[in-house]
Amino acid sequence: MNTKRFQLNEIEAAAKLLKQGELISFPTETVYGLGANAMDEAAVKKVYSAKGRPSDNPLIVHVASVDEVEKYVEEVSEQAKELMANFWPGPLTLIFKTKPGVFSKTVTGGLTSVAIRMPDNEATLALINLAGVPLVGPSANTSGKPSPTTADHVYHDLNGKIAGILDGGETGLGLESTVLDITDPKKPTILRPGALTKEDLESILENVYLDQHFVTKDESPKAPGMKYTHYAPNEPVVIVNGADEQWQKAIAYYQNKDEKVGLLANEERINQYKGTVTAVYSLGEKDSTIAAAKSLYAGLRFFEKTPVTVILAEAYDKNGIGGAYMNRLEKAAANHYFTEEMSNSSEQQ
């Protein structure tokens, strides 16, 4: 199969392929999604095959309007209406109780709930409208690897596996949507943090809870992105949390082990150490968690083109979007931090 790149003036041709049961990657404000007709089980199964995705991992259904939602869910509560009025289109996925028989188990992961969102991207909203059906849209990457924020990233992972890519340039936010479970109206719970923060949601809702447990390989997640290891590049990632002294110790520790070190860090730190390590990628200005979140996946992917054998990655404060950044980074690193014990061993060598 030849994977075609569609420009924004070719949306109609891309939509035609979706109607025929093919897979088309589309841009959103978060990351690139891998689109298939959500009502066509055979097409949805192709998504799992192309990504190498576990079949117990539910998919997010993308719609082009708020009005569509009532076709697919048991109830659109006043709480849901308020959330959609304030945050759609945008980086918020809502989990509803689904109407029986609307979506196949392939879409829901065998659950009685369904995840739905309306992306904030005019080209993709036009694509959904022209296709005439809701689209599943997990990140358009090989399962478990960093999500794609450009059409080139999608092409790298899925060339020859999907029919096409709608090229909308670089995505704006760089991290997947916030997933909010509203199946229990008394306990709205964030299952996956994103650019839309707990504080943002609590401007509308009185209390929002945060589910911080990692889903193990034996559990079935209620939302995508909940598995313990996810978003990981080929090289091991180690998180460094501390001042310059800790970075010096971390670099020395791995170089003493004959590792080729890559740094994924803020601009100031990159400028300080770029002559002493194998490769570097800047996450932007020192205090900008927004820039770090936008750059994280591109940075993790960057090192695949270099000879580095370990990536040392910068920790950020977990407030605001920093919480979403650290959620993704901790999963990419399987929660592996550079520790004081390792620091001491590097000093003894």
C-alpha atoms as a PDB file:
ATOM      1  CA  MET A   1       0.000   0.000   0.000  1.00  0.00           C
ATOM      2  CA  ASN A   2       1.246   3.478  -0.869  1.00  0.00           C
ATOM      3  CA  THR A   3       0.504   6.001   1.877  1.00  0.00           C
ATOM      4  CA  LYS A   4      -0.594   9.251   0.217  1.00  0.00           C
ATOM      5  CA  ARG A   5      -0.059  12.686   1.745  1.00  0.00           C
ATOM      6  CA  PHE A   6      -3.173  14.799   1.333  1.00  0.00           C
ATOM      7  CA  GLN A   7      -2.940  18.577   1.429  1.00  0.00           C
ATOM      8  CA  LEU A   8      -5.685  20.667   3.006  1.00  0.00           C
ATOM      9  CA  ASN A   9      -7.317  21.254  -0.385  1.00  0.00           C
ATOM     10  CA  GLU A  10      -7.682  17.480  -0.828  1.00  0.00           C
ATOM     11  CA  ILE A  11      -9.897  16.749   2.197  1.00  0.00           C
ATOM     12  CA  GLU A  12     -12.726  15.423   0.037  1.00  0.00           C
ATOM     13  CA  ALA A  13     -10.474  12.741  -1.464  1.00  0.00           C
ATOM     14  CA  ALA A  14      -9.303  11.709   2.018  1.00  0.00           C
ATOM     15  CA  ALA A  15     -12.928  11.517   3.234  1.00  0.00           C
ATOM     16  CA  LYS A  16     -13.814   9.282   0.278  1.00  0.00           C
ATOM     17  CA  LEU A  17     -11.208   6.750   1.393  1.00  0.00           C
ATOM     18  CA  LEU A  18     -12.602   6.797   4.939  1.00  0.00           C
ATOM     19  CA  LYS A  19     -16.054   5.978   3.521  1.00  0.00           C
ATOM     20  CA  GLN A  20     -14.443   3.009   1.769  1.00  0.00           C
ATOM     21  CA  GLY A  21     -13.133   1.618   5.056  1.00  0.00           C
ATOM     22  CA  GLU A  22      -9.561   2.874   4.719  1.00  0.00           C
ATOM     23  CA  LEU A  23      -7.408   4.549   7.377  1.00  0.00           C
ATOM     24  CA  ILE A  24      -6.535   8.258   7.180  1.00  0.00           C
ATOM     25  CA  SER A  25      -4.359  10.084   9.706  1.00  0.00           C
ATOM     26  CA  PHE A  26      -5.628  13.548  10.596  1.00  0.00           C
ATOM     27  CA  PRO A  27      -4.239  16.568  12.470  1.00  0.00           C
ATOM     28  CA  THR A  28      -5.737  17.898  15.693  1.00  0.00           C
ATOM     29  CA  GLU A  29      -4.735  20.595  18.172  1.00  0.00           C
ATOM     30  CA  THR A  30      -3.140  17.864  20.327  1.00  0.00           C
ATOM     31  CA  VAL A  31      -1.423  15.157  18.208  1.00  0.00           C
ATOM     32  CA  TYR A  32      -2.140  13.405  14.892  1.00  0.00           C
ATOM     33  CA  GLY A  33      -4.940  10.839  15.074  1.00  0.00           C
ATOM     34  CA  LEU A  34      -5.407   7.659  13.069  1.00  0.00           C
ATOM     35  CA  GLY A  35      -8.896   7.874  11.620  1.00  0.00           C
ATOM     36  CA  ALA A  36     -11.307   5.112  10.690  1.00  0.00           C
ATOM     37  CA  ASN A  37     -15.088   4.937  10.413  1.00  0.00           C
ATOM     38  CA  ALA A  38     -16.172   4.272  14.006  1.00  0.00           C
ATOM     39  CA  MET A  39     -19.305   2.462  12.777  1.00  0.00           C
ATOM     40  CA  ASP A  40     -17.342   0.025  10.580  1.00  0.00           C
ATOM     41  CA  GLU A  41     -15.862  -2.738  12.732  1.00  0.00           C
ATOM     42  CA  ALA A  42     -13.620  -4.041   9.946  1.00  0.00           C
ATOM     43  CA  ALA A  43     -12.130  -0.561   9.478  1.00  0.00           C
ATOM     44  CA  VAL A  44     -11.599  -0.147  13.222  1.00  0.00           C
ATOM     45  CA  LYS A  45      -9.810  -3.495  13.400  1.00  0.00           C
ATOM     46  CA  LYS A  46      -7.374  -2.153  10.796  1.00  0.00           C
ATOM     47  CA  VAL A  47      -6.424   0.579  13.287  1.00  0.00           C
ATOM     48  CA  TYR A  48      -5.325  -2.003  15.861  1.00  0.00           C
ATOM     49  CA  SER A  49      -3.408  -3.884  13.198  1.00  0.00           C
ATOM     50  CA  ALA A  50      -1.641  -0.803  11.797  1.00  0.00           C
ATOM     51  CA  LYS A  51      -0.607   0.411  15.248  1.00  0.00           C
ATOM     52  CA  GLY A  52       0.091  -2.975  16.815  1.00  0.00           C
ATOM     53  CA  ARG A  53      -2.287  -1.820  19.564  1.00  0.00           C
ATOM     54  CA  PRO A  54      -3.662  -4.127  22.303  1.00  0.00           C
ATOM     55  CA  SER A  55      -7.343  -4.807  21.627  1.00  0.00           C
ATOM     56  CA  ASP A  56      -8.367  -4.088  25.247  1.00  0.00           C
ATOM     57  CA  ASN A  57      -7.370  -0.437  24.856  1.00  0.00           C
ATOM     58  CA  PRO A  58     -10.493   1.633  24.036  1.00  0.00           C
ATOM     59  CA  LEU A  59     -10.507   4.187  21.237  1.00  0.00           C
ATOM     60  CA  ILE A  60     -11.657   7.806  21.320  1.00  0.00           C
ATOM     61  CA  VAL A  61     -14.518   8.621  18.964  1.00  0.00           C
ATOM     62  CA  HIS A  62     -14.174  12.000  17.230  1.00  0.00           C
ATOM     63  CA  VAL A  63     -17.271  13.978  16.272  1.00  0.00           C
ATOM     64  CA  ALA A  64     -17.791  17.237  14.381  1.00  0.00           C
ATOM     65  CA  SER A  65     -20.610  18.669  16.521  1.00  0.00           C
ATOM     66  CA  VAL A  66     -22.066  18.582  20.015  1.00  0.00           C
ATOM     67  CA  ASP A  67     -25.443  17.492  18.633  1.00  0.00           C
ATOM     68  CA  GLU A  68     -24.044  14.142  17.448  1.00  0.00           C
ATOM     69  CA  VAL A  69     -23.265  12.930  20.950  1.00  0.00           C
ATOM     70  CA  GLU A  70     -26.848  12.091  21.925  1.00  0.00           C
ATOM     71  CA  LYS A  71     -26.961   9.511  19.103  1.00  0.00           C
ATOM     72  CA  TYR A  72     -24.299   7.446  20.816  1.00  0.00           C
ATOM     73  CA  VAL A  73     -24.726   7.782  24.590  1.00  0.00           C
ATOM     74  CA  GLU A  74     -27.399   6.884  27.136  1.00  0.00           C
ATOM     75  CA  GLU A  75     -27.668  10.404  28.527  1.00  0.00           C
ATOM     76  CA  VAL A  76     -26.202  13.835  27.849  1.00  0.00           C
ATOM     77  CA  SER A  77     -26.414  15.273  31.353  1.00  0.00           C
ATOM     78  CA  GLU A  78     -26.498  18.966  32.225  1.00  0.00           C
ATOM     79  CA  GLN A  79     -22.947  18.480  33.500  1.00  0.00           C
ATOM     80  CA  ALA A  80     -21.875  17.141  30.092  1.00  0.00           C
ATOM     81  CA  LYS A  81     -23.665  19.955  28.255  1.00  0.00           C
ATOM     82  CA  GLU A  82     -21.857  22.551  30.346  1.00  0.00           C
ATOM     83  CA  LEU A  83     -18.479  20.931  29.747  1.00  0.00           C
ATOM     84  CA  MET A  84     -19.067  20.708  26.001  1.00  0.00           C
ATOM     85  CA  ALA A  85     -20.326  24.305  25.849  1.00  0.00           C
ATOM     86  CA  ASN A  86     -17.168  25.551  27.548  1.00  0.00           C
ATOM     87  CA  PHE A  87     -14.446  23.249  26.211  1.00  0.00           C
ATOM     88  CA  TRP A  88     -15.551  21.893  22.812  1.00  0.00           C
ATOM     89  CA  PRO A  89     -14.073  21.993  20.308  1.00  0.00           C
ATOM     90  CA  GLY A  90     -10.906  21.450  22.295  1.00  0.00           C
ATOM     91  CA  PRO A  91      -8.562  19.032  24.080  1.00  0.00           C
ATOM     92  CA  LEU A  92     -11.190  17.390  26.289  1.00  0.00           C
ATOM     93  CA  THR A  93     -12.390  13.798  25.905  1.00  0.00           C
ATOM     94  CA  LEU A  94     -15.514  12.853  27.851  1.00  0.00           C
ATOM     95  CA  ILE A  95     -16.370   9.291  28.866  1.00  0.00           C
ATOM     96  CA  PHE A  96     -20.095   8.525  28.721  1.00  0.00           C
ATOM     97  CA  LYS A  97     -22.207   5.423  29.239  1.00  0.00           C
ATOM     98  CA  THR A  98     -22.826   4.252  25.687  1.00  0.00           C
ATOM     99  CA  LYS A  99     -26.101   3.108  24.177  1.00  0.00           C
ATOM    100  CA  PRO A 100     -26.046  -0.694  23.754  1.00  0.00           C
ATOM    101  CA  GLY A 101     -25.245  -1.888  20.260  1.00  0.00           C
ATOM    102  CA  VAL A 102     -24.086   1.453  18.848  1.00  0.00           C
ATOM    103  CA  PHE A 103     -20.353   0.762  18.845  1.00  0.00           C
ATOM    104  CA  SER A 104     -18.600  -2.571  18.593  1.00  0.00           C
ATOM    105  CA  LYS A 105     -16.411  -3.911  21.390  1.00  0.00           C
ATOM    106  CA  THR A 106     -13.509  -3.109  19.088  1.00  0.00           C
ATOM    107  CA  VAL A 107     -14.212   0.589  19.683  1.00  0.00           C
ATOM    108  CA  THR A 108     -15.043   0.429  23.404  1.00  0.00           C
ATOM    109  CA  GLY A 109     -12.480  -2.154  24.439  1.00  0.00           C
ATOM    110  CA  GLY A 110     -15.385  -4.296  25.652  1.00  0.00           C
ATOM    111  CA  LEU A 111     -16.568  -1.638  28.116  1.00  0.00           C
ATOM    112  CA  THR A 112     -20.072  -0.209  28.546  1.00  0.00           C
ATOM    113  CA  SER A 113     -18.648   3.305  28.203  1.00  0.00           C
ATOM    114  CA  VAL A 114     -17.344   5.269  25.233  1.00  0.00           C
ATOM    115  CA  ALA A 115     -14.836   8.132  24.996  1.00  0.00           C
ATOM    116  CA  ILE A 116     -15.857  11.039  22.738  1.00  0.00           C
ATOM    117  CA  ARG A 117     -14.294  14.347  21.790  1.00  0.00           C
ATOM    118  CA  MET A 118     -14.647  17.190  19.286  1.00  0.00           C
ATOM    119  CA  PRO A 119     -11.179  18.261  18.091  1.00  0.00           C
ATOM    120  CA  ASP A 120     -10.293  21.917  17.613  1.00  0.00           C
ATOM    121  CA  ASN A 121      -9.053  21.646  14.034  1.00  0.00           C
ATOM    122  CA  GLU A 122     -11.064  22.989  11.111  1.00  0.00           C
ATOM    123  CA  ALA A 123      -9.574  20.567   8.560  1.00  0.00           C
ATOM    124  CA  THR A 124     -10.398  17.522  10.672  1.00  0.00           C
ATOM    125  CA  LEU A 125     -13.911  18.759  11.464  1.00  0.00           C
ATOM    126  CA  ALA A 126     -14.418  19.149   7.714  1.00  0.00           C
ATOM    127  CA  LEU A 127     -13.034  15.637   7.182  1.00  0.00           C
ATOM    128  CA  ILE A 128     -15.509  14.154   9.677  1.00  0.00           C
ATOM    129  CA  ASN A 129     -18.400  16.049   8.099  1.00  0.00           C
ATOM    130  CA  LEU A 130     -17.453  14.937   4.582  1.00  0.00           C
ATOM    131  CA  ALA A 131     -17.019  11.326   5.699  1.00  0.00           C
ATOM    132  CA  GLY A 132     -20.470  11.514   7.268  1.00  0.00           C
ATOM    133  CA  VAL A 133     -19.525   9.299  10.212  1.00  0.00           C
ATOM    134  CA  PRO A 134     -17.748   9.648  13.560  1.00  0.00           C
ATOM    135  CA  LEU A 135     -14.095   8.646  13.437  1.00  0.00           C
ATOM    136  CA  VAL A 136     -12.028   6.700  15.915  1.00  0.00           C
ATOM    137  CA  GLY A 137      -8.751   8.517  16.303  1.00  0.00           C
ATOM    138  CA  PRO A 138      -6.009   7.084  18.504  1.00  0.00           C
ATOM    139  CA  SER A 139      -2.583   8.653  18.064  1.00  0.00           C
ATOM    140  CA  ALA A 140      -1.173   7.802  14.634  1.00  0.00           C
ATOM    141  CA  ASN A 141       1.961   6.030  15.780  1.00  0.00           C
ATOM    142  CA  THR A 142       3.261   2.565  16.511  1.00  0.00           C
ATOM    143  CA  SER A 143       1.619   1.551  19.782  1.00  0.00           C
ATOM    144  CA  GLY A 144       3.622   2.483  22.869  1.00  0.00           C
ATOM    145  CA  LYS A 145       5.925   4.883  21.017  1.00  0.00           C
ATOM    146  CA  PRO A 146       5.913   8.709  21.231  1.00  0.00           C
ATOM    147  CA  SER A 147       2.814  10.216  19.675  1.00  0.00           C
ATOM    148  CA  PRO A 148       3.180  12.107  16.361  1.00  0.00           C
ATOM    149  CA  THR A 149       3.039  15.880  16.233  1.00  0.00           C
ATOM    150  CA  THR A 150       3.834  16.216  12.507  1.00  0.00           C
ATOM    151  CA  ALA A 151       2.816  14.381   9.337  1.00  0.00           C
ATOM    152  CA  ASP A 152       6.447  13.272   8.990  1.00  0.00           C
ATOM    153  CA  HIS A 153       6.196  11.444  12.330  1.00  0.00           C
ATOM    154  CA  VAL A 154       3.104   9.612  11.077  1.00  0.00           C
ATOM    155  CA  TYR A 155       4.788   8.727   7.806  1.00  0.00           C
ATOM    156  CA  HIS A 156       7.824   7.374   9.677  1.00  0.00           C
ATOM    157  CA  ASP A 157       5.686   4.972  11.738  1.00  0.00           C
ATOM    158  CA  LEU A 158       2.844   4.029   9.408  1.00  0.00           C
ATOM    159  CA  ASN A 159       4.021   4.418   5.808  1.00  0.00           C
ATOM    160  CA  GLY A 160       2.657   1.457   3.855  1.00  0.00           C
ATOM    161  CA  LYS A 161       0.195   0.558   6.628  1.00  0.00           C
ATOM    162  CA  ILE A 162      -2.470   3.240   6.066  1.00  0.00           C
ATOM    163  CA  ALA A 163      -4.089   4.820   3.022  1.00  0.00           C
ATOM    164  CA  GLY A 164      -3.207   8.437   3.714  1.00  0.00           C
ATOM    165  CA  ILE A 165      -2.220  11.356   5.920  1.00  0.00           C
ATOM    166  CA  LEU A 166      -3.987  14.716   5.938  1.00  0.00           C
ATOM    167  CA  ASP A 167      -1.050  17.085   6.433  1.00  0.00           C
ATOM    168  CA  GLY A 168      -2.009  19.970   8.686  1.00  0.00           C
ATOM    169  CA  GLY A 169       1.499  20.934   9.766  1.00  0.00           C
ATOM    170  CA  GLU A 170       2.760  20.774  13.341  1.00  0.00           C
ATOM    171  CA  THR A 171       0.152  20.331  16.068  1.00  0.00           C
ATOM    172  CA  GLY A 172      -0.321  23.144  18.565  1.00  0.00           C
ATOM    173  CA  LEU A 173      -0.351  21.519  21.999  1.00  0.00           C
ATOM    174  CA  GLY A 174       1.774  18.410  21.486  1.00  0.00           C
ATOM    175  CA  LEU A 175       0.119  16.223  24.162  1.00  0.00           C
ATOM    176  CA  GLU A 176      -3.073  14.163  23.929  1.00  0.00           C
ATOM    177  CA  SER A 177      -6.406  15.424  25.242  1.00  0.00           C
ATOM    178  CA  THR A 178      -7.468  15.392  28.865  1.00  0.00           C
ATOM    179  CA  VAL A 179      -9.774  12.409  29.460  1.00  0.00           C
ATOM    180  CA  LEU A 180     -12.583  13.032  31.960  1.00  0.00           C
ATOM    181  CA  ASP A 181     -14.841  10.201  33.124  1.00  0.00           C
ATOM    182  CA  ILE A 182     -18.346  11.555  33.778  1.00  0.00           C
ATOM    183  CA  THR A 183     -20.149   8.214  34.031  1.00  0.00           C
ATOM    184  CA  ASP A 184     -20.523   8.956  37.776  1.00  0.00           C
ATOM    185  CA  PRO A 185     -21.779  12.566  37.876  1.00  0.00           C
ATOM    186  CA  LYS A 186     -20.910  12.839  41.565  1.00  0.00           C
ATOM    187  CA  LYS A 187     -17.274  11.989  40.923  1.00  0.00           C
ATOM    188  CA  PRO A 188     -15.951  13.381  37.607  1.00  0.00           C
ATOM    189  CA  THR A 189     -12.490  11.875  37.318  1.00  0.00           C
ATOM    190  CA  ILE A 190      -9.499  12.700  35.131  1.00  0.00           C
ATOM    191  CA  LEU A 191      -8.164   9.407  33.776  1.00  0.00           C
ATOM    192  CA  ARG A 192      -5.493  11.029  31.609  1.00  0.00           C
ATOM    193  CA  PRO A 193      -4.198  14.579  32.208  1.00  0.00           C
ATOM    194  CA  GLY A 194      -3.741  16.909  29.263  1.00  0.00           C
ATOM    195  CA  ALA A 195      -3.520  20.582  28.340  1.00  0.00           C
ATOM    196  CA  LEU A 196      -6.922  21.157  29.935  1.00  0.00           C
ATOM    197  CA  THR A 197      -6.061  21.042  33.634  1.00  0.00           C
ATOM    198  CA  LYS A 198      -7.920  20.067  36.793  1.00  0.00           C
ATOM    199  CA  GLU A 199      -8.099  23.772  37.632  1.00  0.00           C
ATOM    200  CA  ASP A 200      -9.637  24.544  34.236  1.00  0.00           C
ATOM    201  CA  LEU A 201     -12.318  21.911  34.756  1.00  0.00           C
ATOM    202  CA  GLU A 202     -13.030  23.093  38.290  1.00  0.00           C
ATOM    203  CA  SER A 203     -14.002  26.475  36.860  1.00  0.00           C
ATOM    204  CA  ILE A 204     -17.124  24.587  35.714  1.00  0.00           C
ATOM    205  CA  LEU A 205     -17.365  21.616  38.095  1.00  0.00           C
ATOM    206  CA  GLU A 206     -17.252  21.837  41.877  1.00  0.00           C
ATOM    207  CA  ASN A 207     -14.788  18.985  42.405  1.00  0.00           C
ATOM    208  CA  VAL A 208     -12.698  17.025  39.923  1.00  0.00           C
ATOM    209  CA  TYR A 209     -10.832  13.888  40.967  1.00  0.00           C
ATOM    210  CA  LEU A 210      -7.591  12.568  39.522  1.00  0.00           C
ATOM    211  CA  ASP A 211      -6.973   8.858  38.905  1.00  0.00           C
ATOM    212  CA  GLN A 212      -3.208   8.543  39.255  1.00  0.00           C
ATOM    213  CA  HIS A 213      -2.777   4.774  39.208  1.00  0.00           C
ATOM    214  CA  PHE A 214      -0.927   3.135  36.323  1.00  0.00           C
ATOM    215  CA  VAL A 215      -2.755   0.330  34.544  1.00  0.00           C
ATOM    216  CA  THR A 216      -0.717  -2.873  34.553  1.00  0.00           C
ATOM    217  CA  LYS A 217      -0.497  -5.263  31.618  1.00  0.00           C
ATOM    218  CA  ASP A 218      -3.172  -7.480  33.224  1.00  0.00           C
ATOM    219  CA  GLU A 219      -5.734  -4.660  33.632  1.00  0.00           C
ATOM    220  CA  SER A 220      -8.097  -3.270  31.004  1.00  0.00           C
ATOM    221  CA  PRO A 221      -7.839   0.530  30.835  1.00  0.00           C
ATOM    222  CA  LYS A 222     -10.972   2.684  30.744  1.00  0.00           C
ATOM    223  CA  ALA A 223      -9.174   5.279  28.617  1.00  0.00           C
ATOM    224  CA  PRO A 224      -6.140   5.322  26.325  1.00  0.00           C
ATOM    225  CA  GLY A 225      -2.746   6.305  27.715  1.00  0.00           C
ATOM    226  CA  MET A 226      -3.235   4.698  31.139  1.00  0.00           C
ATOM    227  CA  LYS A 227      -0.729   1.864  30.765  1.00  0.00           C
ATOM    228  CA  TYR A 228       2.415   1.888  32.913  1.00  0.00           C
ATOM    229  CA  THR A 229       4.822   2.023  29.960  1.00  0.00           C
ATOM    230  CA  HIS A 230       3.792   4.173  27.038  1.00  0.00           C
ATOM    231  CA  TYR A 231       5.122   6.914  24.754  1.00  0.00           C
ATOM    232  CA  ALA A 232       8.575   5.315  24.892  1.00  0.00           C
ATOM    233  CA  PRO A 233      11.333   5.745  22.273  1.00  0.00           C
ATOM    234  CA  ASN A 234      13.760   2.968  21.374  1.00  0.00           C
ATOM    235  CA  GLU A 235      16.377   4.228  23.824  1.00  0.00           C
ATOM    236  CA  PRO A 236      15.882   4.071  27.616  1.00  0.00           C
ATOM    237  CA  VAL A 237      14.756   7.330  29.222  1.00  0.00           C
ATOM    238  CA  VAL A 238      15.920   8.451  32.663  1.00  0.00           C
ATOM    239  CA  ILE A 239      14.334  11.454  34.389  1.00  0.00           C
ATOM    240  CA  VAL A 240      16.645  13.936  36.093  1.00  0.00           C
ATOM    241  CA  ASN A 241      15.053  16.061  38.805  1.00  0.00           C
ATOM    242  CA  GLY A 242      17.410  18.544  40.378  1.00  0.00           C
ATOM    243  CA  ALA A 243      19.905  21.345  39.979  1.00  0.00           C
ATOM    244  CA  ASP A 244      23.084  21.442  37.892  1.00  0.00           C
ATOM    245  CA  GLU A 245      24.989  19.231  40.343  1.00  0.00           C
ATOM    246  CA  GLN A 246      22.507  16.397  39.803  1.00  0.00           C
ATOM    247  CA  TRP A 247      22.801  16.745  36.027  1.00  0.00           C
ATOM    248  CA  GLN A 248      26.591  16.637  36.259  1.00  0.00           C
ATOM    249  CA  LYS A 249      26.370  13.446  38.307  1.00  0.00           C
ATOM    250  CA  ALA A 250      23.867  11.857  35.936  1.00  0.00           C
ATOM    251  CA  ILE A 251      25.963  12.606  32.853  1.00  0.00           C
ATOM    252  CA  ALA A 252      29.109  11.306  34.573  1.00  0.00           C
ATOM    253  CA  TYR A 253      27.335   8.153  35.773  1.00  0.00           C
ATOM    254  CA  TYR A 254      26.223   7.100  32.292  1.00  0.00           C
ATOM    255  CA  GLN A 255      29.381   8.185  30.525  1.00  0.00           C
ATOM    256  CA  ASN A 256      31.380   6.101  33.006  1.00  0.00           C
ATOM    257  CA  LYS A 257      29.233   3.166  31.862  1.00  0.00           C
ATOM    258  CA  ASP A 258      30.264   3.920  28.252  1.00  0.00           C
ATOM    259  CA  GLU A 259      26.778   5.123  27.370  1.00  0.00           C
ATOM    260  CA  LYS A 260      26.237   7.724  24.651  1.00  0.00           C
ATOM    261  CA  VAL A 261      24.181  10.345  26.450  1.00  0.00           C
ATOM    262  CA  GLY A 262      21.389  12.450  24.958  1.00  0.00           C
ATOM    263  CA  LEU A 263      19.921  15.418  26.826  1.00  0.00           C
ATOM    264  CA  LEU A 264      16.241  16.387  26.578  1.00  0.00           C
ATOM    265  CA  ALA A 265      16.182  19.548  28.637  1.00  0.00           C
ATOM    266  CA  ASN A 266      15.488  23.270  28.778  1.00  0.00           C
ATOM    267  CA  GLU A 267      17.449  25.673  26.586  1.00  0.00           C
ATOM    268  CA  GLU A 268      19.658  26.952  29.390  1.00  0.00           C
ATOM    269  CA  ARG A 269      20.741  23.463  30.396  1.00  0.00           C
ATOM    270  CA  ILE A 270      21.281  22.437  26.784  1.00  0.00           C
ATOM    271  CA  ASN A 271      23.628  25.394  26.255  1.00  0.00           C
ATOM    272  CA  GLN A 272      25.540  24.396  29.374  1.00  0.00           C
ATOM    273  CA  TYR A 273      26.163  20.751  28.467  1.00  0.00           C
ATOM    274  CA  LYS A 274      25.841  20.393  24.684  1.00  0.00           C
ATOM    275  CA  GLY A 275      29.609  20.126  24.191  1.00  0.00           C
ATOM    276  CA  THR A 276      29.952  17.280  26.671  1.00  0.00           C
ATOM    277  CA  VAL A 277      27.280  14.807  25.499  1.00  0.00           C
ATOM    278  CA  THR A 278      26.446  12.963  22.268  1.00  0.00           C
ATOM    279  CA  ALA A 279      23.232  14.784  21.285  1.00  0.00           C
ATOM    280  CA  VAL A 280      20.802  17.356  22.682  1.00  0.00           C
ATOM    281  CA  TYR A 281      17.204  18.491  22.115  1.00  0.00           C
ATOM    282  CA  SER A 282      15.793  21.675  23.625  1.00  0.00           C
ATOM    283  CA  LEU A 283      12.427  21.738  25.371  1.00  0.00           C
ATOM    284  CA  GLY A 284      12.359  25.530  25.144  1.00  0.00           C
ATOM    285  CA  GLU A 285      12.759  28.278  27.698  1.00  0.00           C
ATOM    286  CA  LYS A 286      13.662  27.241  31.232  1.00  0.00           C
ATOM    287  CA  ASP A 287      10.348  28.056  32.920  1.00  0.00           C
ATOM    288  CA  SER A 288       7.919  27.253  30.073  1.00  0.00           C
ATOM    289  CA  THR A 289       6.053  24.011  30.742  1.00  0.00           C
ATOM    290  CA  ILE A 290       3.852  24.824  27.733  1.00  0.00           C
ATOM    291  CA  ALA A 291       6.898  24.745  25.453  1.00  0.00           C
ATOM    292  CA  ALA A 292       8.163  21.575  27.132  1.00  0.00           C
ATOM    293  CA  ALA A 293       4.823  19.816  26.634  1.00  0.00           C
ATOM    294  CA  LYS A 294       4.699  20.811  22.966  1.00  0.00           C
ATOM    295  CA  SER A 295       8.284  19.624  22.379  1.00  0.00           C
ATOM    296  CA  LEU A 296       8.319  16.385  24.396  1.00  0.00           C
ATOM    297  CA  TYR A 297       7.289  13.861  21.721  1.00  0.00           C
ATOM    298  CA  ALA A 298       9.325  15.496  18.970  1.00  0.00           C
ATOM    299  CA  GLY A 299      12.313  15.420  21.308  1.00  0.00           C
ATOM    300  CA  LEU A 300      11.912  11.751  22.177  1.00  0.00           C
ATOM    301  CA  ARG A 301      11.640  10.938  18.456  1.00  0.00           C
ATOM    302  CA  PHE A 302      14.673  13.083  17.609  1.00  0.00           C
ATOM    303  CA  PHE A 303      17.060  10.771  19.440  1.00  0.00           C
ATOM    304  CA  GLU A 304      16.072   7.813  17.257  1.00  0.00           C
ATOM    305  CA  LYS A 305      18.138   9.446  14.495  1.00  0.00           C
ATOM    306  CA  THR A 306      21.212   9.771  16.721  1.00  0.00           C
ATOM    307  CA  PRO A 307      23.701   7.266  18.203  1.00  0.00           C
ATOM    308  CA  VAL A 308      22.630   7.927  21.809  1.00  0.00           C
ATOM    309  CA  THR A 309      22.060   4.905  24.033  1.00  0.00           C
ATOM    310  CA  VAL A 310      20.339   6.692  26.954  1.00  0.00           C
ATOM    311  CA  ILE A 311      18.216   9.853  27.162  1.00  0.00           C
ATOM    312  CA  LEU A 312      18.385  12.057  30.251  1.00  0.00           C
ATOM    313  CA  ALA A 313      15.136  14.022  30.406  1.00  0.00           C
ATOM    314  CA  GLU A 314      14.197  17.101  32.387  1.00  0.00           C
ATOM    315  CA  ALA A 315      11.585  16.908  35.131  1.00  0.00           C
ATOM    316  CA  TYR A 316       9.126  19.785  35.504  1.00  0.00           C
ATOM    317  CA  ASP A 317       6.776  20.850  38.277  1.00  0.00           C
ATOM    318  CA  LYS A 318       3.487  18.945  38.085  1.00  0.00           C
ATOM    319  CA  ASN A 319       1.283  22.030  38.355  1.00  0.00           C
ATOM    320  CA  GLY A 320      -0.939  22.886  35.384  1.00  0.00           C
ATOM    321  CA  ILE A 321       0.153  21.412  32.056  1.00  0.00           C
ATOM    322  CA  GLY A 322       3.331  20.251  33.824  1.00  0.00           C
ATOM    323  CA  GLY A 323       1.192  17.443  35.241  1.00  0.00           C
ATOM    324  CA  ALA A 324       0.386  16.210  31.735  1.00  0.00           C
ATOM    325  CA  TYR A 325       4.030  16.559  30.674  1.00  0.00           C
ATOM    326  CA  MET A 326       5.244  14.516  33.651  1.00  0.00           C
ATOM    327  CA  ASN A 327       2.502  11.907  33.159  1.00  0.00           C
ATOM    328  CA  ARG A 328       3.808  11.225  29.640  1.00  0.00           C
ATOM    329  CA  LEU A 329       7.478  11.449  30.593  1.00  0.00           C
ATOM    330  CA  GLU A 330       7.143   9.083  33.562  1.00  0.00           C
ATOM    331  CA  LYS A 331       5.492   6.514  31.297  1.00  0.00           C
ATOM    332  CA  ALA A 332       8.138   6.977  28.596  1.00  0.00           C
ATOM    333  CA  ALA A 333      10.762   6.347  31.296  1.00  0.00           C
ATOM    334  CA  ALA A 334       8.767   3.599  33.071  1.00  0.00           C
ATOM    335  CA  ASN A 335       9.082   5.932  36.095  1.00  0.00           C
ATOM    336  CA  HIS A 336      12.884   5.600  36.106  1.00  0.00           C
ATOM    337  CA  TYR A 337      14.532   8.566  37.877  1.00  0.00           C
ATOM    338  CA  PHE A 338      18.224   9.236  38.410  1.00  0.00           C
ATOM    339  CA  THR A 339      18.676   8.731  42.163  1.00  0.00           C
ATOM    340  CA  GLU A 340      21.027   9.861  44.910  1.00  0.00           C
ATOM    341  CA  GLU A 341      22.252   6.280  45.230  1.00  0.00           C
ATOM    342  CA  MET A 342      23.318   6.360  41.586  1.00  0.00           C
ATOM    343  CA  SER A 343      24.920   9.771  42.213  1.00  0.00           C
ATOM    344  CA  ASN A 344      27.029   8.299  45.005  1.00  0.00           C
ATOM    345  CA  SER A 345      28.149   5.395  42.862  1.00  0.00           C
ATOM    346  CA  SER A 346      29.292   7.784  40.109  1.00  0.00           C
ATOM    347  CA  GLU A 347      31.420   9.677  42.649  1.00  0.00           C
ATOM    348  CA  GLN A 348      33.127   6.454  43.751  1.00  0.00           C
ATOM    349  CA  GLN A 349      34.128   5.477  40.213  1.00  0.00           C
END
